PDB file of N, CA and C in Angstrom:
ATOM      1  N   UNK A   1      -7.906  -6.622  -5.455  1.00  0.00           N
ATOM      2  CA  UNK A   1      -6.957  -5.694  -4.874  1.00  0.00           C
ATOM      3  C   UNK A   1      -7.661  -4.657  -4.007  1.00  0.00           C
ATOM      4  N   UNK A   2      -8.791  -4.167  -4.490  1.00  0.00           N
ATOM      5  CA  UNK A   2      -9.506  -3.120  -3.766  1.00  0.00           C
ATOM      6  C   UNK A   2      -9.885  -3.598  -2.371  1.00  0.00           C
ATOM      7  N   UNK A   3     -10.352  -4.855  -2.258  1.00  0.00           N
ATOM      8  CA  UNK A   3     -10.739  -5.390  -0.949  1.00  0.00           C
ATOM      9  C   UNK A   3      -9.558  -5.441   0.007  1.00  0.00           C
ATOM     10  N   UNK A   4      -8.390  -5.785  -0.491  1.00  0.00           N
ATOM     11  CA  UNK A   4      -7.199  -5.849   0.356  1.00  0.00           C
ATOM     12  C   UNK A   4      -6.802  -4.445   0.819  1.00  0.00           C
ATOM     13  N   UNK A   5      -6.986  -3.446  -0.023  1.00  0.00           N
ATOM     14  CA  UNK A   5      -6.694  -2.066   0.359  1.00  0.00           C
ATOM     15  C   UNK A   5      -7.637  -1.603   1.468  1.00  0.00           C
ATOM     16  N   UNK A   6      -8.927  -1.911   1.307  1.00  0.00           N
ATOM     17  CA  UNK A   6      -9.919  -1.534   2.320  1.00  0.00           C
ATOM     18  C   UNK A   6      -9.621  -2.243   3.641  1.00  0.00           C
ATOM     19  N   UNK A   7      -9.246  -3.517   3.557  1.00  0.00           N
ATOM     20  CA  UNK A   7      -8.927  -4.282   4.763  1.00  0.00           C
ATOM     21  C   UNK A   7      -7.705  -3.709   5.488  1.00  0.00           C
ATOM     22  N   UNK A   8      -6.733  -3.215   4.729  1.00  0.00           N
ATOM     23  CA  UNK A   8      -5.537  -2.651   5.362  1.00  0.00           C
ATOM     24  C   UNK A   8      -5.868  -1.375   6.140  1.00  0.00           C
ATOM     25  N   UNK A   9      -6.868  -0.624   5.691  1.00  0.00           N
ATOM     26  CA  UNK A   9      -7.317   0.554   6.445  1.00  0.00           C
ATOM     27  C   UNK A   9      -7.985   0.099   7.742  1.00  0.00           C
ATOM     28  N   UNK A  10      -8.860  -0.888   7.626  1.00  0.00           N
ATOM     29  CA  UNK A  10      -9.618  -1.378   8.780  1.00  0.00           C
ATOM     30  C   UNK A  10      -8.690  -1.873   9.890  1.00  0.00           C
ATOM     31  N   UNK A  11      -7.627  -2.594   9.516  1.00  0.00           N
ATOM     32  CA  UNK A  11      -6.723  -3.171  10.503  1.00  0.00           C
ATOM     33  C   UNK A  11      -5.432  -2.371  10.699  1.00  0.00           C
ATOM     34  N   UNK A  12      -5.356  -1.189  10.104  1.00  0.00           N
ATOM     35  CA  UNK A  12      -4.171  -0.305  10.216  1.00  0.00           C
ATOM     36  C   UNK A  12      -2.879  -1.031   9.860  1.00  0.00           C
ATOM     37  N   UNK A  13      -2.905  -1.761   8.750  1.00  0.00           N
ATOM     38  CA  UNK A  13      -1.734  -2.507   8.286  1.00  0.00           C
ATOM     39  C   UNK A  13      -0.957  -1.697   7.249  1.00  0.00           C
ATOM     40  N   UNK A  14       0.353  -1.827   7.295  1.00  0.00           N
ATOM     41  CA  UNK A  14       1.186  -1.319   6.209  1.00  0.00           C
ATOM     42  C   UNK A  14       1.272  -2.406   5.144  1.00  0.00           C
ATOM     43  N   UNK A  15       1.503  -2.009   3.904  1.00  0.00           N
ATOM     44  CA  UNK A  15       1.590  -2.954   2.795  1.00  0.00           C
ATOM     45  C   UNK A  15       2.873  -2.726   2.009  1.00  0.00           C
ATOM     46  N   UNK A  16       3.443  -3.805   1.496  1.00  0.00           N
ATOM     47  CA  UNK A  16       4.482  -3.702   0.474  1.00  0.00           C
ATOM     48  C   UNK A  16       3.776  -3.848  -0.862  1.00  0.00           C
ATOM     49  N   UNK A  17       4.063  -2.953  -1.780  1.00  0.00           N
ATOM     50  CA  UNK A  17       3.356  -2.928  -3.053  1.00  0.00           C
ATOM     51  C   UNK A  17       4.354  -2.897  -4.199  1.00  0.00           C
ATOM     52  N   UNK A  18       4.112  -3.716  -5.203  1.00  0.00           N
ATOM     53  CA  UNK A  18       4.811  -3.623  -6.480  1.00  0.00           C
ATOM     54  C   UNK A  18       3.870  -2.842  -7.391  1.00  0.00           C
ATOM     55  N   UNK A  19       4.385  -1.748  -7.967  1.00  0.00           N
ATOM     56  CA  UNK A  19       3.525  -0.821  -8.689  1.00  0.00           C
ATOM     57  C   UNK A  19       4.111  -0.480 -10.050  1.00  0.00           C
ATOM     58  N   UNK A  20       3.254  -0.448 -11.055  1.00  0.00           N
ATOM     59  CA  UNK A  20       3.634  -0.087 -12.420  1.00  0.00           C
ATOM     60  C   UNK A  20       3.247   1.370 -12.661  1.00  0.00           C
ATOM     61  N   UNK A  21       4.239   2.238 -12.823  1.00  0.00           N
ATOM     62  CA  UNK A  21       3.989   3.671 -13.045  1.00  0.00           C
ATOM     63  C   UNK A  21       3.532   3.920 -14.484  1.00  0.00           C
ATOM     64  N   UNK A  22       3.030   5.125 -14.722  1.00  0.00           N
ATOM     65  CA  UNK A  22       2.549   5.494 -16.065  1.00  0.00           C
ATOM     66  C   UNK A  22       3.631   5.362 -17.127  1.00  0.00           C
ATOM     67  N   UNK A  23       4.893   5.625 -16.739  1.00  0.00           N
ATOM     68  CA  UNK A  23       5.989   5.566 -17.712  1.00  0.00           C
ATOM     69  C   UNK A  23       6.558   4.159 -17.899  1.00  0.00           C
ATOM     70  N   UNK A  24       5.945   3.144 -17.249  1.00  0.00           N
ATOM     71  CA  UNK A  24       6.385   1.765 -17.428  1.00  0.00           C
ATOM     72  C   UNK A  24       7.372   1.279 -16.384  1.00  0.00           C
ATOM     73  N   UNK A  25       7.809   2.163 -15.492  1.00  0.00           N
ATOM     74  CA  UNK A  25       8.742   1.775 -14.433  1.00  0.00           C
ATOM     75  C   UNK A  25       8.017   0.971 -13.359  1.00  0.00           C
ATOM     76  N   UNK A  26       8.682  -0.066 -12.864  1.00  0.00           N
ATOM     77  CA  UNK A  26       8.135  -0.868 -11.772  1.00  0.00           C
ATOM     78  C   UNK A  26       8.892  -0.495 -10.505  1.00  0.00           C
ATOM     79  N   UNK A  27       8.140  -0.229  -9.430  1.00  0.00           N
ATOM     80  CA  UNK A  27       8.778   0.129  -8.168  1.00  0.00           C
ATOM     81  C   UNK A  27       8.169  -0.671  -7.025  1.00  0.00           C
ATOM     82  N   UNK A  28       8.967  -0.862  -5.994  1.00  0.00           N
ATOM     83  CA  UNK A  28       8.493  -1.503  -4.771  1.00  0.00           C
ATOM     84  C   UNK A  28       8.361  -0.412  -3.729  1.00  0.00           C
ATOM     85  N   UNK A  29       7.189  -0.311  -3.129  1.00  0.00           N
ATOM     86  CA  UNK A  29       6.926   0.742  -2.163  1.00  0.00           C
ATOM     87  C   UNK A  29       6.270   0.167  -0.916  1.00  0.00           C
ATOM     88  N   UNK A  30       6.577   0.752   0.221  1.00  0.00           N
ATOM     89  CA  UNK A  30       5.861   0.431   1.460  1.00  0.00           C
ATOM     90  C   UNK A  30       4.881   1.574   1.678  1.00  0.00           C
ATOM     91  N   UNK A  31       3.608   1.216   1.893  1.00  0.00           N
ATOM     92  CA  UNK A  31       2.562   2.232   1.983  1.00  0.00           C
ATOM     93  C   UNK A  31       1.647   1.996   3.183  1.00  0.00           C
ATOM     94  N   UNK A  32       1.005   3.080   3.617  1.00  0.00           N
ATOM     95  CA  UNK A  32      -0.128   3.036   4.538  1.00  0.00           C
ATOM     96  C   UNK A  32      -1.303   3.624   3.786  1.00  0.00           C
ATOM     97  N   UNK A  33      -2.341   2.836   3.565  1.00  0.00           N
ATOM     98  CA  UNK A  33      -3.495   3.279   2.786  1.00  0.00           C
ATOM     99  C   UNK A  33      -4.337   4.235   3.641  1.00  0.00           C
ATOM    100  N   UNK A  34      -4.716   5.365   3.052  1.00  0.00           N
ATOM    101  CA  UNK A  34      -5.498   6.378   3.755  1.00  0.00           C
ATOM    102  C   UNK A  34      -6.956   6.406   3.292  1.00  0.00           C
ATOM    103  N   UNK A  35      -7.173   6.215   1.980  1.00  0.00           N
ATOM    104  CA  UNK A  35      -8.499   6.371   1.402  1.00  0.00           C
ATOM    105  C   UNK A  35      -8.576   5.548   0.120  1.00  0.00           C
ATOM    106  N   UNK A  36      -9.705   4.868  -0.091  1.00  0.00           N
ATOM    107  CA  UNK A  36      -9.859   4.043  -1.295  1.00  0.00           C
ATOM    108  C   UNK A  36     -11.075   4.518  -2.073  1.00  0.00           C
ATOM    109  N   UNK A  37     -10.873   4.804  -3.365  1.00  0.00           N
ATOM    110  CA  UNK A  37     -11.963   5.182  -4.258  1.00  0.00           C
ATOM    111  C   UNK A  37     -12.280   4.035  -5.204  1.00  0.00           C
ATOM    112  N   UNK A  38     -13.004   4.344  -6.269  1.00  0.00           N
ATOM    113  CA  UNK A  38     -13.389   3.308  -7.244  1.00  0.00           C
ATOM    114  C   UNK A  38     -12.210   2.875  -8.112  1.00  0.00           C
ATOM    115  N   UNK A  39     -11.422   3.822  -8.598  1.00  0.00           N
ATOM    116  CA  UNK A  39     -10.317   3.484  -9.502  1.00  0.00           C
ATOM    117  C   UNK A  39      -8.941   3.841  -8.953  1.00  0.00           C
ATOM    118  N   UNK A  40      -8.903   4.624  -7.873  1.00  0.00           N
ATOM    119  CA  UNK A  40      -7.619   5.024  -7.304  1.00  0.00           C
ATOM    120  C   UNK A  40      -7.697   5.028  -5.779  1.00  0.00           C
ATOM    121  N   UNK A  41      -6.528   5.211  -5.161  1.00  0.00           N
ATOM    122  CA  UNK A  41      -6.489   5.301  -3.707  1.00  0.00           C
ATOM    123  C   UNK A  41      -5.378   6.232  -3.270  1.00  0.00           C
ATOM    124  N   UNK A  42      -5.525   6.793  -2.068  1.00  0.00           N
ATOM    125  CA  UNK A  42      -4.513   7.675  -1.478  1.00  0.00           C
ATOM    126  C   UNK A  42      -3.785   6.877  -0.416  1.00  0.00           C
ATOM    127  N   UNK A  43      -2.476   7.060  -0.358  1.00  0.00           N
ATOM    128  CA  UNK A  43      -1.664   6.353   0.621  1.00  0.00           C
ATOM    129  C   UNK A  43      -0.442   7.172   0.969  1.00  0.00           C
ATOM    130  N   UNK A  44       0.080   6.931   2.172  1.00  0.00           N
ATOM    131  CA  UNK A  44       1.365   7.509   2.527  1.00  0.00           C
ATOM    132  C   UNK A  44       2.430   6.565   1.994  1.00  0.00           C
ATOM    133  N   UNK A  45       3.345   7.087   1.180  1.00  0.00           N
ATOM    134  CA  UNK A  45       4.415   6.294   0.578  1.00  0.00           C
ATOM    135  C   UNK A  45       5.706   6.556   1.354  1.00  0.00           C
ATOM    136  N   UNK A  46       6.275   5.501   1.947  1.00  0.00           N
ATOM    137  CA  UNK A  46       7.509   5.642   2.710  1.00  0.00           C
ATOM    138  C   UNK A  46       8.713   5.881   1.795  1.00  0.00           C
ATOM    139  N   UNK A  47       8.640   5.444   0.548  1.00  0.00           N
ATOM    140  CA  UNK A  47       9.726   5.679  -0.404  1.00  0.00           C
ATOM    141  C   UNK A  47       9.858   7.175  -0.714  1.00  0.00           C
ATOM    142  N   UNK A  48       8.751   7.829  -1.007  1.00  0.00           N
ATOM    143  CA  UNK A  48       8.740   9.254  -1.353  1.00  0.00           C
ATOM    144  C   UNK A  48       8.531  10.157  -0.140  1.00  0.00           C
ATOM    145  N   UNK A  49       8.170   9.540   1.003  1.00  0.00           N
ATOM    146  CA  UNK A  49       7.914  10.279   2.252  1.00  0.00           C
ATOM    147  C   UNK A  49       6.840  11.352   2.068  1.00  0.00           C
ATOM    148  N   UNK A  50       5.756  10.965   1.380  1.00  0.00           N
ATOM    149  CA  UNK A  50       4.637  11.885   1.170  1.00  0.00           C
ATOM    150  C   UNK A  50       3.375  11.104   0.825  1.00  0.00           C
ATOM    151  N   UNK A  51       2.246  11.798   0.864  1.00  0.00           N
ATOM    152  CA  UNK A  51       0.981  11.199   0.455  1.00  0.00           C
ATOM    153  C   UNK A  51       0.922  11.191  -1.064  1.00  0.00           C
ATOM    154  N   UNK A  52       0.508  10.062  -1.618  1.00  0.00           N
ATOM    155  CA  UNK A  52       0.479   9.894  -3.074  1.00  0.00           C
ATOM    156  C   UNK A  52      -0.862   9.292  -3.486  1.00  0.00           C
ATOM    157  N   UNK A  53      -1.226   9.489  -4.741  1.00  0.00           N
ATOM    158  CA  UNK A  53      -2.413   8.867  -5.319  1.00  0.00           C
ATOM    159  C   UNK A  53      -1.961   7.801  -6.304  1.00  0.00           C
ATOM    160  N   UNK A  54      -2.516   6.601  -6.161  1.00  0.00           N
ATOM    161  CA  UNK A  54      -2.164   5.463  -7.012  1.00  0.00           C
ATOM    162  C   UNK A  54      -3.407   4.939  -7.712  1.00  0.00           C
ATOM    163  N   UNK A  55      -3.218   4.368  -8.896  1.00  0.00           N
ATOM    164  CA  UNK A  55      -4.301   3.724  -9.638  1.00  0.00           C
ATOM    165  C   UNK A  55      -4.348   2.252  -9.254  1.00  0.00           C
ATOM    166  N   UNK A  56      -5.528   1.776  -8.888  1.00  0.00           N
ATOM    167  CA  UNK A  56      -5.679   0.396  -8.426  1.00  0.00           C
ATOM    168  C   UNK A  56      -5.281  -0.601  -9.513  1.00  0.00           C
ATOM    169  N   UNK A  57      -5.601  -0.304 -10.768  1.00  0.00           N
ATOM    170  CA  UNK A  57      -5.282  -1.217 -11.872  1.00  0.00           C
ATOM    171  C   UNK A  57      -3.784  -1.368 -12.120  1.00  0.00           C
ATOM    172  N   UNK A  58      -2.967  -0.450 -11.616  1.00  0.00           N
ATOM    173  CA  UNK A  58      -1.521  -0.508 -11.829  1.00  0.00           C
ATOM    174  C   UNK A  58      -0.776  -1.268 -10.736  1.00  0.00           C
ATOM    175  N   UNK A  59      -1.504  -1.801  -9.770  1.00  0.00           N
ATOM    176  CA  UNK A  59      -0.879  -2.592  -8.706  1.00  0.00           C
ATOM    177  C   UNK A  59      -0.548  -3.970  -9.261  1.00  0.00           C
ATOM    178  N   UNK A  60       0.693  -4.390  -9.114  1.00  0.00           N
ATOM    179  CA  UNK A  60       1.111  -5.708  -9.562  1.00  0.00           C
ATOM    180  C   UNK A  60       1.006  -6.732  -8.433  1.00  0.00           C
ATOM    181  N   UNK A  61       1.309  -6.300  -7.186  1.00  0.00           N
ATOM    182  CA  UNK A  61       1.238  -7.199  -6.032  1.00  0.00           C
ATOM    183  C   UNK A  61       1.108  -6.389  -4.750  1.00  0.00           C
ATOM    184  N   UNK A  62       0.390  -6.947  -3.782  1.00  0.00           N
ATOM    185  CA  UNK A  62       0.263  -6.353  -2.451  1.00  0.00           C
ATOM    186  C   UNK A  62       0.551  -7.415  -1.409  1.00  0.00           C
ATOM    187  N   UNK A  63       1.390  -7.080  -0.430  1.00  0.00           N
ATOM    188  CA  UNK A  63       1.716  -8.016   0.648  1.00  0.00           C
ATOM    189  C   UNK A  63       1.616  -7.268   1.969  1.00  0.00           C
ATOM    190  N   UNK A  64       0.765  -7.748   2.893  1.00  0.00           N
ATOM    191  CA  UNK A  64       0.685  -7.081   4.195  1.00  0.00           C
ATOM    192  C   UNK A  64       1.965  -7.275   4.998  1.00  0.00           C
ATOM    193  N   UNK A  65       2.343  -6.259   5.759  1.00  0.00           N
ATOM    194  CA  UNK A  65       3.514  -6.329   6.628  1.00  0.00           C
ATOM    195  C   UNK A  65       3.040  -6.853   7.972  1.00  0.00           C
ATOM    196  N   UNK A  66       3.553  -7.992   8.360  1.00  0.00           N
ATOM    197  CA  UNK A  66       3.163  -8.604   9.627  1.00  0.00           C
ATOM    198  C   UNK A  66       4.282  -8.361  10.626  1.00  0.00           C
ATOM    199  N   UNK A  67       3.925  -7.694  11.709  1.00  0.00           N
ATOM    200  CA  UNK A  67       4.910  -7.457  12.768  1.00  0.00           C
ATOM    201  C   UNK A  67       4.532  -8.308  13.968  1.00  0.00           C
ATOM    202  N   UNK A  68       5.488  -9.037  14.458  1.00  0.00           N
ATOM    203  CA  UNK A  68       5.245  -9.884  15.615  1.00  0.00           C
ATOM    204  C   UNK A  68       5.826  -9.193  16.843  1.00  0.00           C
ATOM    205  N   UNK A  69       5.026  -9.142  17.867  1.00  0.00           N
ATOM    206  CA  UNK A  69       5.503  -8.561  19.114  1.00  0.00           C
ATOM    207  C   UNK A  69       6.231  -9.629  19.909  1.00  0.00           C
ATOM    208  N   UNK A  70       7.335  -9.250  20.484  1.00  0.00           N
ATOM    209  CA  UNK A  70       8.062 -10.200  21.315  1.00  0.00           C
ATOM    210  C   UNK A  70       8.041  -9.697  22.755  1.00  0.00           C
ATOM    211  N   UNK A  71       7.857 -10.613  23.654  1.00  0.00           N
ATOM    212  CA  UNK A  71       7.823 -10.296  25.069  1.00  0.00           C
ATOM    213  C   UNK A  71       9.106 -10.769  25.736  1.00  0.00           C
ATOM    214  N   UNK A  72       9.611  -9.940  26.586  1.00  0.00           N
ATOM    215  CA  UNK A  72      10.760 -10.333  27.389  1.00  0.00           C
ATOM    216  C   UNK A  72      10.265 -10.408  28.828  1.00  0.00           C
ATOM    217  N   UNK A  73      10.441 -11.589  29.398  1.00  0.00           N
ATOM    218  CA  UNK A  73       9.960 -11.787  30.779  1.00  0.00           C
ATOM    219  C   UNK A  73      11.143 -11.889  31.703  1.00  0.00           C
TER     220      UNK A  73
END
């Protein structure tokens, strides 16, 4: 998971994340990763509209958001 977080910073990708909170709640969030540490990372969370700190071990799934550009000629 950590490698995918670092890669998303390198390529400026947004991610969809399934996350397990401390209280046992599972949430789906769209994030932009800002900083990755050893056990946690900072990201902008579009659900909460703020910067948040997440624990890497609590990530259930990460999926990069792929946007395709379309050209009109």
